[in-house]
Amino acid sequence: LHHRDNERLIRTLRRLADIGNTVLVVEHDEDMMRAADHIVD
């Protein structure tokens, strides 16, 4: 994904979490990590 599409993806995942779901992501991307509520390193 392009950097611009990363932001849209993060917004979508954030919305899934906001309506009452758990979103578990395996990821290396810095933007995704900074958007996370909790990180397991």
PDB file of all heavy atoms in Angstrom:
ATOM      1  N   LEU A   1       0.826  -1.206   0.000  1.00  0.00           N
ATOM      2  CA  LEU A   1       0.000   0.000   0.000  1.00  0.00           C
ATOM      3  C   LEU A   1       0.864   1.262   0.000  1.00  0.00           C
ATOM      4  O   LEU A   1       1.915   1.315   0.633  1.00  0.00           O
ATOM      5  CB  LEU A   1      -0.917   0.034   1.221  1.00  0.00           C
ATOM      6  CG  LEU A   1      -2.068  -0.961   1.265  1.00  0.00           C
ATOM      7  CD1 LEU A   1      -2.957  -0.656   2.461  1.00  0.00           C
ATOM      8  CD2 LEU A   1      -2.896  -0.915  -0.009  1.00  0.00           C
ATOM      9  N   HIS A   2       0.388   2.272  -0.718  1.00  0.00           N
ATOM     10  CA  HIS A   2       1.018   3.579  -0.713  1.00  0.00           C
ATOM     11  C   HIS A   2       0.767   4.249   0.645  1.00  0.00           C
ATOM     12  O   HIS A   2      -0.180   3.912   1.355  1.00  0.00           O
ATOM     13  CB  HIS A   2       0.426   4.419  -1.851  1.00  0.00           C
ATOM     14  CG  HIS A   2       1.147   5.696  -2.119  1.00  0.00           C
ATOM     15  ND1 HIS A   2       0.871   6.847  -1.431  1.00  0.00           N
ATOM     16  CD2 HIS A   2       2.119   6.003  -3.010  1.00  0.00           C
ATOM     17  CE1 HIS A   2       1.649   7.824  -1.883  1.00  0.00           C
ATOM     18  NE2 HIS A   2       2.408   7.334  -2.836  1.00  0.00           N
ATOM     19  N   HIS A   3       1.616   5.206   0.989  1.00  0.00           N
ATOM     20  CA  HIS A   3       1.491   5.896   2.277  1.00  0.00           C
ATOM     21  C   HIS A   3       0.105   6.512   2.446  1.00  0.00           C
ATOM     22  O   HIS A   3      -0.480   6.462   3.538  1.00  0.00           O
ATOM     23  CB  HIS A   3       2.563   6.982   2.389  1.00  0.00           C
ATOM     24  CG  HIS A   3       2.500   7.756   3.665  1.00  0.00           C
ATOM     25  ND1 HIS A   3       2.875   7.228   4.881  1.00  0.00           N
ATOM     26  CD2 HIS A   3       2.075   9.026   3.916  1.00  0.00           C
ATOM     27  CE1 HIS A   3       2.687   8.138   5.823  1.00  0.00           C
ATOM     28  NE2 HIS A   3       2.209   9.227   5.270  1.00  0.00           N
ATOM     29  N   ARG A   4      -0.446   7.073   1.381  1.00  0.00           N
ATOM     30  CA  ARG A   4      -1.773   7.684   1.482  1.00  0.00           C
ATOM     31  C   ARG A   4      -2.833   6.637   1.813  1.00  0.00           C
ATOM     32  O   ARG A   4      -3.765   6.883   2.584  1.00  0.00           O
ATOM     33  CB  ARG A   4      -2.144   8.377   0.160  1.00  0.00           C
ATOM     34  CG  ARG A   4      -3.425   9.186   0.253  1.00  0.00           C
ATOM     35  CD  ARG A   4      -3.910   9.648  -1.098  1.00  0.00           C
ATOM     36  NE  ARG A   4      -4.461   8.537  -1.875  1.00  0.00           N
ATOM     37  CZ  ARG A   4      -5.102   8.702  -3.034  1.00  0.00           C
ATOM     38  NH1 ARG A   4      -5.225   9.910  -3.553  1.00  0.00           N
ATOM     39  NH2 ARG A   4      -5.577   7.673  -3.688  1.00  0.00           N
ATOM     40  N   ASP A   5      -2.680   5.430   1.223  1.00  0.00           N
ATOM     41  CA  ASP A   5      -3.651   4.374   1.477  1.00  0.00           C
ATOM     42  C   ASP A   5      -3.496   3.800   2.880  1.00  0.00           C
ATOM     43  O   ASP A   5      -4.456   3.280   3.451  1.00  0.00           O
ATOM     44  CB  ASP A   5      -3.492   3.260   0.431  1.00  0.00           C
ATOM     45  CG  ASP A   5      -3.736   3.787  -0.984  1.00  0.00           C
ATOM     46  OD1 ASP A   5      -4.702   4.543  -1.146  1.00  0.00           O
ATOM     47  OD2 ASP A   5      -2.960   3.458  -1.897  1.00  0.00           O
ATOM     48  N   ASN A   6      -2.289   3.867   3.431  1.00  0.00           N
ATOM     49  CA  ASN A   6      -2.090   3.439   4.824  1.00  0.00           C
ATOM     50  C   ASN A   6      -3.010   4.205   5.761  1.00  0.00           C
ATOM     51  O   ASN A   6      -3.623   3.636   6.662  1.00  0.00           O
ATOM     52  CB  ASN A   6      -0.638   3.680   5.250  1.00  0.00           C
ATOM     53  CG  ASN A   6       0.269   2.539   4.861  1.00  0.00           C
ATOM     54  OD1 ASN A   6      -0.145   1.623   4.159  1.00  0.00           O
ATOM     55  ND2 ASN A   6       1.510   2.598   5.295  1.00  0.00           N
ATOM     56  N   GLU A   7      -3.095   5.525   5.561  1.00  0.00           N
ATOM     57  CA  GLU A   7      -3.918   6.364   6.432  1.00  0.00           C
ATOM     58  C   GLU A   7      -5.390   5.959   6.348  1.00  0.00           C
ATOM     59  O   GLU A   7      -6.092   5.905   7.363  1.00  0.00           O
ATOM     60  CB  GLU A   7      -3.748   7.832   6.046  1.00  0.00           C
ATOM     61  CG  GLU A   7      -2.320   8.356   6.244  1.00  0.00           C
ATOM     62  CD  GLU A   7      -2.143   9.758   5.693  1.00  0.00           C
ATOM     63  OE1 GLU A   7      -3.141  10.312   5.173  1.00  0.00           O
ATOM     64  OE2 GLU A   7      -1.032  10.293   5.785  1.00  0.00           O
ATOM     65  N   ARG A   8      -5.853   5.646   5.124  1.00  0.00           N
ATOM     66  CA  ARG A   8      -7.250   5.231   4.960  1.00  0.00           C
ATOM     67  C   ARG A   8      -7.492   3.877   5.617  1.00  0.00           C
ATOM     68  O   ARG A   8      -8.532   3.641   6.231  1.00  0.00           O
ATOM     69  CB  ARG A   8      -7.593   5.163   3.474  1.00  0.00           C
ATOM     70  CG  ARG A   8      -7.664   6.535   2.823  1.00  0.00           C
ATOM     71  CD  ARG A   8      -7.787   6.420   1.330  1.00  0.00           C
ATOM     72  NE  ARG A   8      -8.123   7.707   0.722  1.00  0.00           N
ATOM     73  CZ  ARG A   8      -8.110   7.946  -0.577  1.00  0.00           C
ATOM     74  NH1 ARG A   8      -7.753   7.000  -1.404  1.00  0.00           N
ATOM     75  NH2 ARG A   8      -8.446   9.125  -1.056  1.00  0.00           N
ATOM     76  N   LEU A   9      -6.517   2.974   5.475  1.00  0.00           N
ATOM     77  CA  LEU A   9      -6.635   1.665   6.101  1.00  0.00           C
ATOM     78  C   LEU A   9      -6.709   1.802   7.617  1.00  0.00           C
ATOM     79  O   LEU A   9      -7.540   1.162   8.278  1.00  0.00           O
ATOM     80  CB  LEU A   9      -5.436   0.795   5.701  1.00  0.00           C
ATOM     81  CG  LEU A   9      -5.334  -0.574   6.367  1.00  0.00           C
ATOM     82  CD1 LEU A   9      -6.490  -1.462   5.949  1.00  0.00           C
ATOM     83  CD2 LEU A   9      -4.009  -1.230   6.020  1.00  0.00           C
ATOM     84  N   ILE A  10      -5.861   2.641   8.164  1.00  0.00           N
ATOM     85  CA  ILE A  10      -5.842   2.837   9.622  1.00  0.00           C
ATOM     86  C   ILE A  10      -7.177   3.411  10.091  1.00  0.00           C
ATOM     87  O   ILE A  10      -7.719   2.995  11.122  1.00  0.00           O
ATOM     88  CB  ILE A  10      -4.665   3.747  10.023  1.00  0.00           C
ATOM     89  CG1 ILE A  10      -3.338   3.002   9.812  1.00  0.00           C
ATOM     90  CG2 ILE A  10      -4.795   4.216  11.463  1.00  0.00           C
ATOM     91  CD1 ILE A  10      -2.111   3.874   9.930  1.00  0.00           C
ATOM     92  N   ARG A  11      -7.736   4.366   9.335  1.00  0.00           N
ATOM     93  CA  ARG A  11      -9.034   4.942   9.707  1.00  0.00           C
ATOM     94  C   ARG A  11     -10.120   3.865   9.734  1.00  0.00           C
ATOM     95  O   ARG A  11     -10.982   3.852  10.612  1.00  0.00           O
ATOM     96  CB  ARG A  11      -9.425   6.059   8.735  1.00  0.00           C
ATOM     97  CG  ARG A  11      -8.692   7.358   8.954  1.00  0.00           C
ATOM     98  CD  ARG A  11      -9.454   8.537   8.359  1.00  0.00           C
ATOM     99  NE  ARG A  11      -9.673   8.374   6.922  1.00  0.00           N
ATOM    100  CZ  ARG A  11      -8.847   8.827   5.989  1.00  0.00           C
ATOM    101  NH1 ARG A  11      -7.727   9.468   6.349  1.00  0.00           N
ATOM    102  NH2 ARG A  11      -9.106   8.673   4.710  1.00  0.00           N
ATOM    103  N   THR A  12     -10.073   2.962   8.757  1.00  0.00           N
ATOM    104  CA  THR A  12     -11.069   1.894   8.688  1.00  0.00           C
ATOM    105  C   THR A  12     -10.929   0.943   9.869  1.00  0.00           C
ATOM    106  O   THR A  12     -11.925   0.562  10.507  1.00  0.00           O
ATOM    107  CB  THR A  12     -10.913   1.105   7.369  1.00  0.00           C
ATOM    108  OG1 THR A  12     -11.006   2.003   6.267  1.00  0.00           O
ATOM    109  CG2 THR A  12     -11.997   0.052   7.238  1.00  0.00           C
ATOM    110  N   LEU A  13      -9.687   0.558  10.194  1.00  0.00           N
ATOM    111  CA  LEU A  13      -9.454  -0.335  11.327  1.00  0.00           C
ATOM    112  C   LEU A  13      -9.848   0.345  12.645  1.00  0.00           C
ATOM    113  O   LEU A  13     -10.399  -0.288  13.549  1.00  0.00           O
ATOM    114  CB  LEU A  13      -7.989  -0.766  11.366  1.00  0.00           C
ATOM    115  CG  LEU A  13      -7.487  -1.569  10.157  1.00  0.00           C
ATOM    116  CD1 LEU A  13      -6.024  -1.936  10.332  1.00  0.00           C
ATOM    117  CD2 LEU A  13      -8.321  -2.819   9.949  1.00  0.00           C
ATOM    118  N   ARG A  14      -9.565   1.640  12.727  1.00  0.00           N
ATOM    119  CA  ARG A  14      -9.938   2.403  13.920  1.00  0.00           C
ATOM    120  C   ARG A  14     -11.455   2.404  14.095  1.00  0.00           C
ATOM    121  O   ARG A  14     -11.976   2.271  15.212  1.00  0.00           O
ATOM    122  CB  ARG A  14      -9.423   3.825  13.733  1.00  0.00           C
ATOM    123  CG  ARG A  14      -9.610   4.781  14.869  1.00  0.00           C
ATOM    124  CD  ARG A  14      -8.559   4.585  15.923  1.00  0.00           C
ATOM    125  NE  ARG A  14      -9.059   3.748  17.011  1.00  0.00           N
ATOM    126  CZ  ARG A  14      -8.299   3.245  17.960  1.00  0.00           C
ATOM    127  NH1 ARG A  14      -7.005   3.457  17.958  1.00  0.00           N
ATOM    128  NH2 ARG A  14      -8.815   2.513  18.915  1.00  0.00           N
ATOM    129  N   ARG A  15     -12.163   2.494  12.974  1.00  0.00           N
ATOM    130  CA  ARG A  15     -13.628   2.503  13.039  1.00  0.00           C
ATOM    131  C   ARG A  15     -14.154   1.139  13.494  1.00  0.00           C
ATOM    132  O   ARG A  15     -15.116   1.068  14.268  1.00  0.00           O
ATOM    133  CB  ARG A  15     -14.197   2.861  11.663  1.00  0.00           C
ATOM    134  CG  ARG A  15     -15.706   2.992  11.637  1.00  0.00           C
ATOM    135  CD  ARG A  15     -16.172   3.603  10.330  1.00  0.00           C
ATOM    136  NE  ARG A  15     -17.621   3.709  10.282  1.00  0.00           N
ATOM    137  CZ  ARG A  15     -18.287   4.267   9.273  1.00  0.00           C
ATOM    138  NH1 ARG A  15     -17.616   4.773   8.260  1.00  0.00           N
ATOM    139  NH2 ARG A  15     -19.597   4.325   9.290  1.00  0.00           N
ATOM    140  N   LEU A  16     -13.525   0.057  13.013  1.00  0.00           N
ATOM    141  CA  LEU A  16     -13.925  -1.278  13.456  1.00  0.00           C
ATOM    142  C   LEU A  16     -13.779  -1.398  14.972  1.00  0.00           C
ATOM    143  O   LEU A  16     -14.633  -1.983  15.651  1.00  0.00           O
ATOM    144  CB  LEU A  16     -13.077  -2.347  12.766  1.00  0.00           C
ATOM    145  CG  LEU A  16     -13.459  -2.757  11.341  1.00  0.00           C
ATOM    146  CD1 LEU A  16     -12.416  -3.700  10.773  1.00  0.00           C
ATOM    147  CD2 LEU A  16     -14.834  -3.396  11.313  1.00  0.00           C
ATOM    148  N   ALA A  17     -12.670  -0.857  15.511  1.00  0.00           N
ATOM    149  CA  ALA A  17     -12.451  -0.923  16.951  1.00  0.00           C
ATOM    150  C   ALA A  17     -13.439  -0.038  17.708  1.00  0.00           C
ATOM    151  O   ALA A  17     -13.949  -0.423  18.769  1.00  0.00           O
ATOM    152  CB  ALA A  17     -11.015  -0.507  17.277  1.00  0.00           C
ATOM    153  N   ASP A  18     -13.734   1.135  17.134  1.00  0.00           N
ATOM    154  CA  ASP A  18     -14.597   2.098  17.817  1.00  0.00           C
ATOM    155  C   ASP A  18     -16.031   1.605  17.973  1.00  0.00           C
ATOM    156  O   ASP A  18     -16.745   2.028  18.896  1.00  0.00           O
ATOM    157  CB  ASP A  18     -14.591   3.440  17.085  1.00  0.00           C
ATOM    158  CG  ASP A  18     -13.242   4.162  17.215  1.00  0.00           C
ATOM    159  OD1 ASP A  18     -12.457   3.768  18.106  1.00  0.00           O
ATOM    160  OD2 ASP A  18     -12.983   5.082  16.416  1.00  0.00           O
ATOM    161  N   ILE A  19     -16.495   0.731  17.054  1.00  0.00           N
ATOM    162  CA  ILE A  19     -17.888   0.261  17.153  1.00  0.00           C
ATOM    163  C   ILE A  19     -18.005  -0.977  18.048  1.00  0.00           C
ATOM    164  O   ILE A  19     -19.085  -1.556  18.166  1.00  0.00           O
ATOM    165  CB  ILE A  19     -18.496  -0.030  15.772  1.00  0.00           C
ATOM    166  CG1 ILE A  19     -17.733  -1.154  15.045  1.00  0.00           C
ATOM    167  CG2 ILE A  19     -18.563   1.226  14.923  1.00  0.00           C
ATOM    168  CD1 ILE A  19     -18.357  -1.534  13.698  1.00  0.00           C
ATOM    169  N   GLY A  20     -16.874  -1.391  18.664  1.00  0.00           N
ATOM    170  CA  GLY A  20     -16.961  -2.454  19.653  1.00  0.00           C
ATOM    171  C   GLY A  20     -16.294  -3.755  19.273  1.00  0.00           C
ATOM    172  O   GLY A  20     -16.710  -4.820  19.752  1.00  0.00           O
ATOM    173  N   ASN A  21     -15.287  -3.701  18.438  1.00  0.00           N
ATOM    174  CA  ASN A  21     -14.563  -4.907  18.034  1.00  0.00           C
ATOM    175  C   ASN A  21     -13.110  -4.835  18.487  1.00  0.00           C
ATOM    176  O   ASN A  21     -12.613  -3.781  18.877  1.00  0.00           O
ATOM    177  CB  ASN A  21     -14.603  -5.082  16.512  1.00  0.00           C
ATOM    178  CG  ASN A  21     -16.012  -5.246  15.990  1.00  0.00           C
ATOM    179  OD1 ASN A  21     -16.695  -6.218  16.313  1.00  0.00           O
ATOM    180  ND2 ASN A  21     -16.459  -4.284  15.183  1.00  0.00           N
ATOM    181  N   THR A  22     -12.413  -5.953  18.416  1.00  0.00           N
ATOM    182  CA  THR A  22     -10.982  -6.014  18.676  1.00  0.00           C
ATOM    183  C   THR A  22     -10.261  -6.221  17.357  1.00  0.00           C
ATOM    184  O   THR A  22     -10.632  -7.106  16.584  1.00  0.00           O
ATOM    185  CB  THR A  22     -10.647  -7.184  19.622  1.00  0.00           C
ATOM    186  OG1 THR A  22     -11.364  -7.019  20.841  1.00  0.00           O
ATOM    187  CG2 THR A  22      -9.151  -7.244  19.894  1.00  0.00           C
ATOM    188  N   VAL A  23      -9.251  -5.392  17.079  1.00  0.00           N
ATOM    189  CA  VAL A  23      -8.480  -5.504  15.850  1.00  0.00           C
ATOM    190  C   VAL A  23      -7.044  -5.829  16.230  1.00  0.00           C
ATOM    191  O   VAL A  23      -6.369  -5.032  16.885  1.00  0.00           O
ATOM    192  CB  VAL A  23      -8.532  -4.203  15.022  1.00  0.00           C
ATOM    193  CG1 VAL A  23      -7.730  -4.368  13.731  1.00  0.00           C
ATOM    194  CG2 VAL A  23      -9.979  -3.845  14.691  1.00  0.00           C
ATOM    195  N   LEU A  24      -6.586  -7.020  15.831  1.00  0.00           N
ATOM    196  CA  LEU A  24      -5.244  -7.485  16.144  1.00  0.00           C
ATOM    197  C   LEU A  24      -4.436  -7.514  14.852  1.00  0.00           C
ATOM    198  O   LEU A  24      -4.790  -8.216  13.906  1.00  0.00           O
ATOM    199  CB  LEU A  24      -5.305  -8.881  16.764  1.00  0.00           C
ATOM    200  CG  LEU A  24      -3.993  -9.533  17.175  1.00  0.00           C
ATOM    201  CD1 LEU A  24      -3.299  -8.697  18.242  1.00  0.00           C
ATOM    202  CD2 LEU A  24      -4.259 -10.943  17.695  1.00  0.00           C
ATOM    203  N   VAL A  25      -3.352  -6.725  14.797  1.00  0.00           N
ATOM    204  CA  VAL A  25      -2.593  -6.555  13.565  1.00  0.00           C
ATOM    205  C   VAL A  25      -1.153  -6.998  13.771  1.00  0.00           C
ATOM    206  O   VAL A  25      -0.500  -6.578  14.732  1.00  0.00           O
ATOM    207  CB  VAL A  25      -2.612  -5.081  13.092  1.00  0.00           C
ATOM    208  CG1 VAL A  25      -1.900  -4.940  11.756  1.00  0.00           C
ATOM    209  CG2 VAL A  25      -4.038  -4.567  12.981  1.00  0.00           C
ATOM    210  N   VAL A  26      -0.648  -7.860  12.879  1.00  0.00           N
ATOM    211  CA  VAL A  26       0.778  -8.194  12.835  1.00  0.00           C
ATOM    212  C   VAL A  26       1.408  -7.242  11.826  1.00  0.00           C
ATOM    213  O   VAL A  26       1.058  -7.274  10.648  1.00  0.00           O
ATOM    214  CB  VAL A  26       0.999  -9.662  12.403  1.00  0.00           C
ATOM    215  CG1 VAL A  26       2.491  -9.972  12.317  1.00  0.00           C
ATOM    216  CG2 VAL A  26       0.294 -10.607  13.359  1.00  0.00           C
ATOM    217  N   GLU A  27       2.309  -6.378  12.258  1.00  0.00           N
ATOM    218  CA  GLU A  27       2.720  -5.288  11.367  1.00  0.00           C
ATOM    219  C   GLU A  27       4.093  -4.744  11.716  1.00  0.00           C
ATOM    220  O   GLU A  27       4.536  -4.816  12.867  1.00  0.00           O
ATOM    221  CB  GLU A  27       1.661  -4.162  11.447  1.00  0.00           C
ATOM    222  CG  GLU A  27       1.806  -3.071  10.436  1.00  0.00           C
ATOM    223  CD  GLU A  27       1.784  -3.574   9.009  1.00  0.00           C
ATOM    224  OE1 GLU A  27       0.688  -3.673   8.416  1.00  0.00           O
ATOM    225  OE2 GLU A  27       2.875  -3.879   8.486  1.00  0.00           O
ATOM    226  N   HIS A  28       4.785  -4.212  10.693  1.00  0.00           N
ATOM    227  CA  HIS A  28       6.064  -3.523  10.870  1.00  0.00           C
ATOM    228  C   HIS A  28       5.926  -2.018  10.624  1.00  0.00           C
ATOM    229  O   HIS A  28       6.838  -1.261  10.904  1.00  0.00           O
ATOM    230  CB  HIS A  28       7.110  -4.045   9.874  1.00  0.00           C
ATOM    231  CG  HIS A  28       7.296  -5.525   9.928  1.00  0.00           C
ATOM    232  ND1 HIS A  28       8.156  -6.133  10.802  1.00  0.00           N
ATOM    233  CD2 HIS A  28       6.729  -6.523   9.206  1.00  0.00           C
ATOM    234  CE1 HIS A  28       8.122  -7.447  10.617  1.00  0.00           C
ATOM    235  NE2 HIS A  28       7.262  -7.709   9.659  1.00  0.00           N
ATOM    236  N   ASP A  29       4.795  -1.601  10.033  1.00  0.00           N
ATOM    237  CA  ASP A  29       4.638  -0.219   9.581  1.00  0.00           C
ATOM    238  C   ASP A  29       4.571   0.752  10.769  1.00  0.00           C
ATOM    239  O   ASP A  29       3.816   0.540  11.726  1.00  0.00           O
ATOM    240  CB  ASP A  29       3.366  -0.102   8.741  1.00  0.00           C
ATOM    241  CG  ASP A  29       3.171   1.290   8.190  1.00  0.00           C
ATOM    242  OD1 ASP A  29       3.912   1.664   7.266  1.00  0.00           O
ATOM    243  OD2 ASP A  29       2.292   2.002   8.703  1.00  0.00           O
ATOM    244  N   GLU A  30       5.358   1.818  10.686  1.00  0.00           N
ATOM    245  CA  GLU A  30       5.434   2.764  11.793  1.00  0.00           C
ATOM    246  C   GLU A  30       4.097   3.460  12.039  1.00  0.00           C
ATOM    247  O   GLU A  30       3.679   3.629  13.196  1.00  0.00           O
ATOM    248  CB  GLU A  30       6.532   3.808  11.529  1.00  0.00           C
ATOM    249  CG  GLU A  30       6.674   4.811  12.656  1.00  0.00           C
ATOM    250  CD  GLU A  30       7.794   5.815  12.423  1.00  0.00           C
ATOM    251  OE1 GLU A  30       8.535   5.646  11.425  1.00  0.00           O
ATOM    252  OE2 GLU A  30       7.922   6.754  13.225  1.00  0.00           O
ATOM    253  N   ASP A  31       3.425   3.902  10.973  1.00  0.00           N
ATOM    254  CA  ASP A  31       2.142   4.584  11.145  1.00  0.00           C
ATOM    255  C   ASP A  31       1.127   3.690  11.846  1.00  0.00           C
ATOM    256  O   ASP A  31       0.355   4.154  12.696  1.00  0.00           O
ATOM    257  CB  ASP A  31       1.589   5.026   9.784  1.00  0.00           C
ATOM    258  CG  ASP A  31       2.420   6.117   9.150  1.00  0.00           C
ATOM    259  OD1 ASP A  31       3.126   6.827   9.894  1.00  0.00           O
ATOM    260  OD2 ASP A  31       2.382   6.265   7.907  1.00  0.00           O
ATOM    261  N   MET A  32       1.104   2.414  11.457  1.00  0.00           N
ATOM    262  CA  MET A  32       0.168   1.475  12.080  1.00  0.00           C
ATOM    263  C   MET A  32       0.497   1.302  13.560  1.00  0.00           C
ATOM    264  O   MET A  32      -0.389   1.270  14.423  1.00  0.00           O
ATOM    265  CB  MET A  32       0.221   0.125  11.356  1.00  0.00           C
ATOM    266  CG  MET A  32      -0.805  -0.892  11.846  1.00  0.00           C
ATOM    267  SD  MET A  32      -2.505  -0.457  11.403  1.00  0.00           S
ATOM    268  CE  MET A  32      -2.496  -0.845   9.649  1.00  0.00           C
ATOM    269  N   MET A  33       1.799   1.220  13.891  1.00  0.00           N
ATOM    270  CA  MET A  33       2.187   1.067  15.293  1.00  0.00           C
ATOM    271  C   MET A  33       1.801   2.295  16.111  1.00  0.00           C
ATOM    272  O   MET A  33       1.336   2.180  17.251  1.00  0.00           O
ATOM    273  CB  MET A  33       3.700   0.816  15.389  1.00  0.00           C
ATOM    274  CG  MET A  33       4.107  -0.589  14.955  1.00  0.00           C
ATOM    275  SD  MET A  33       5.839  -0.951  15.327  1.00  0.00           S
ATOM    276  CE  MET A  33       6.661  -0.219  13.922  1.00  0.00           C
ATOM    277  N   ARG A  34       1.988   3.475  15.529  1.00  0.00           N
ATOM    278  CA  ARG A  34       1.671   4.702  16.271  1.00  0.00           C
ATOM    279  C   ARG A  34       0.164   4.875  16.446  1.00  0.00           C
ATOM    280  O   ARG A  34      -0.280   5.588  17.349  1.00  0.00           O
ATOM    281  CB  ARG A  34       2.277   5.911  15.563  1.00  0.00           C
ATOM    282  CG  ARG A  34       3.808   5.910  15.585  1.00  0.00           C
ATOM    283  CD  ARG A  34       4.391   7.246  15.195  1.00  0.00           C
ATOM    284  NE  ARG A  34       5.857   7.208  15.242  1.00  0.00           N
ATOM    285  CZ  ARG A  34       6.578   7.309  16.352  1.00  0.00           C
ATOM    286  NH1 ARG A  34       5.954   7.458  17.520  1.00  0.00           N
ATOM    287  NH2 ARG A  34       7.894   7.260  16.307  1.00  0.00           N
ATOM    288  N   ALA A  35      -0.632   4.242  15.571  1.00  0.00           N
ATOM    289  CA  ALA A  35      -2.090   4.348  15.690  1.00  0.00           C
ATOM    290  C   ALA A  35      -2.664   3.334  16.666  1.00  0.00           C
ATOM    291  O   ALA A  35      -3.835   3.423  17.051  1.00  0.00           O
ATOM    292  CB  ALA A  35      -2.731   4.147  14.311  1.00  0.00           C
ATOM    293  N   ALA A  36      -1.832   2.357  17.078  1.00  0.00           N
ATOM    294  CA  ALA A  36      -2.318   1.281  17.941  1.00  0.00           C
ATOM    295  C   ALA A  36      -2.528   1.758  19.379  1.00  0.00           C
ATOM    296  O   ALA A  36      -1.822   2.636  19.875  1.00  0.00           O
ATOM    297  CB  ALA A  36      -1.331   0.113  17.920  1.00  0.00           C
ATOM    298  N   ASP A  37      -3.509   1.158  20.054  1.00  0.00           N
ATOM    299  CA  ASP A  37      -3.735   1.438  21.473  1.00  0.00           C
ATOM    300  C   ASP A  37      -2.735   0.679  22.343  1.00  0.00           C
ATOM    301  O   ASP A  37      -2.373   1.143  23.429  1.00  0.00           O
ATOM    302  CB  ASP A  37      -5.161   1.033  21.878  1.00  0.00           C
ATOM    303  CG  ASP A  37      -6.206   1.801  21.097  1.00  0.00           C
ATOM    304  OD1 ASP A  37      -6.071   3.029  20.974  1.00  0.00           O
ATOM    305  OD2 ASP A  37      -7.157   1.170  20.596  1.00  0.00           O
ATOM    306  N   HIS A  38      -2.304  -0.486  21.861  1.00  0.00           N
ATOM    307  CA  HIS A  38      -1.427  -1.347  22.653  1.00  0.00           C
ATOM    308  C   HIS A  38      -0.497  -2.093  21.700  1.00  0.00           C
ATOM    309  O   HIS A  38      -0.932  -2.570  20.655  1.00  0.00           O
ATOM    310  CB  HIS A  38      -2.273  -2.345  23.459  1.00  0.00           C
ATOM    311  CG  HIS A  38      -1.489  -3.153  24.448  1.00  0.00           C
ATOM    312  ND1 HIS A  38      -1.323  -2.759  25.752  1.00  0.00           N
ATOM    313  CD2 HIS A  38      -0.808  -4.326  24.327  1.00  0.00           C
ATOM    314  CE1 HIS A  38      -0.596  -3.655  26.399  1.00  0.00           C
ATOM    315  NE2 HIS A  38      -0.269  -4.626  25.549  1.00  0.00           N
ATOM    316  N   ILE A  39       0.785  -2.189  22.055  1.00  0.00           N
ATOM    317  CA  ILE A  39       1.769  -2.868  21.222  1.00  0.00           C
ATOM    318  C   ILE A  39       2.400  -4.011  21.997  1.00  0.00           C
ATOM    319  O   ILE A  39       2.765  -3.846  23.177  1.00  0.00           O
ATOM    320  CB  ILE A  39       2.876  -1.892  20.750  1.00  0.00           C
ATOM    321  CG1 ILE A  39       2.284  -0.783  19.882  1.00  0.00           C
ATOM    322  CG2 ILE A  39       3.963  -2.637  19.974  1.00  0.00           C
ATOM    323  CD1 ILE A  39       3.300   0.259  19.438  1.00  0.00           C
ATOM    324  N   VAL A  40       2.509  -5.181  21.339  1.00  0.00           N
ATOM    325  CA  VAL A  40       3.257  -6.304  21.899  1.00  0.00           C
ATOM    326  C   VAL A  40       4.502  -6.451  21.031  1.00  0.00           C
ATOM    327  O   VAL A  40       4.409  -6.783  19.850  1.00  0.00           O
ATOM    328  CB  VAL A  40       2.424  -7.603  21.882  1.00  0.00           C
ATOM    329  CG1 VAL A  40       3.262  -8.775  22.413  1.00  0.00           C
ATOM    330  CG2 VAL A  40       1.152  -7.437  22.702  1.00  0.00           C
ATOM    331  N   ASP A  41       5.672  -6.176  21.617  1.00  0.00           N
ATOM    332  CA  ASP A  41       6.926  -6.194  20.867  1.00  0.00           C
ATOM    333  C   ASP A  41       7.623  -7.537  21.065  1.00  0.00           C
ATOM    334  O   ASP A  41       7.998  -7.900  22.184  1.00  0.00           O
ATOM    335  CB  ASP A  41       7.825  -5.046  21.349  1.00  0.00           C
ATOM    336  CG  ASP A  41       9.104  -4.947  20.536  1.00  0.00           C
ATOM    337  OD1 ASP A  41       9.094  -5.374  19.359  1.00  0.00           O
ATOM    338  OD2 ASP A  41      10.115  -4.460  21.075  1.00  0.00           O
TER     339      ASP A  41
END
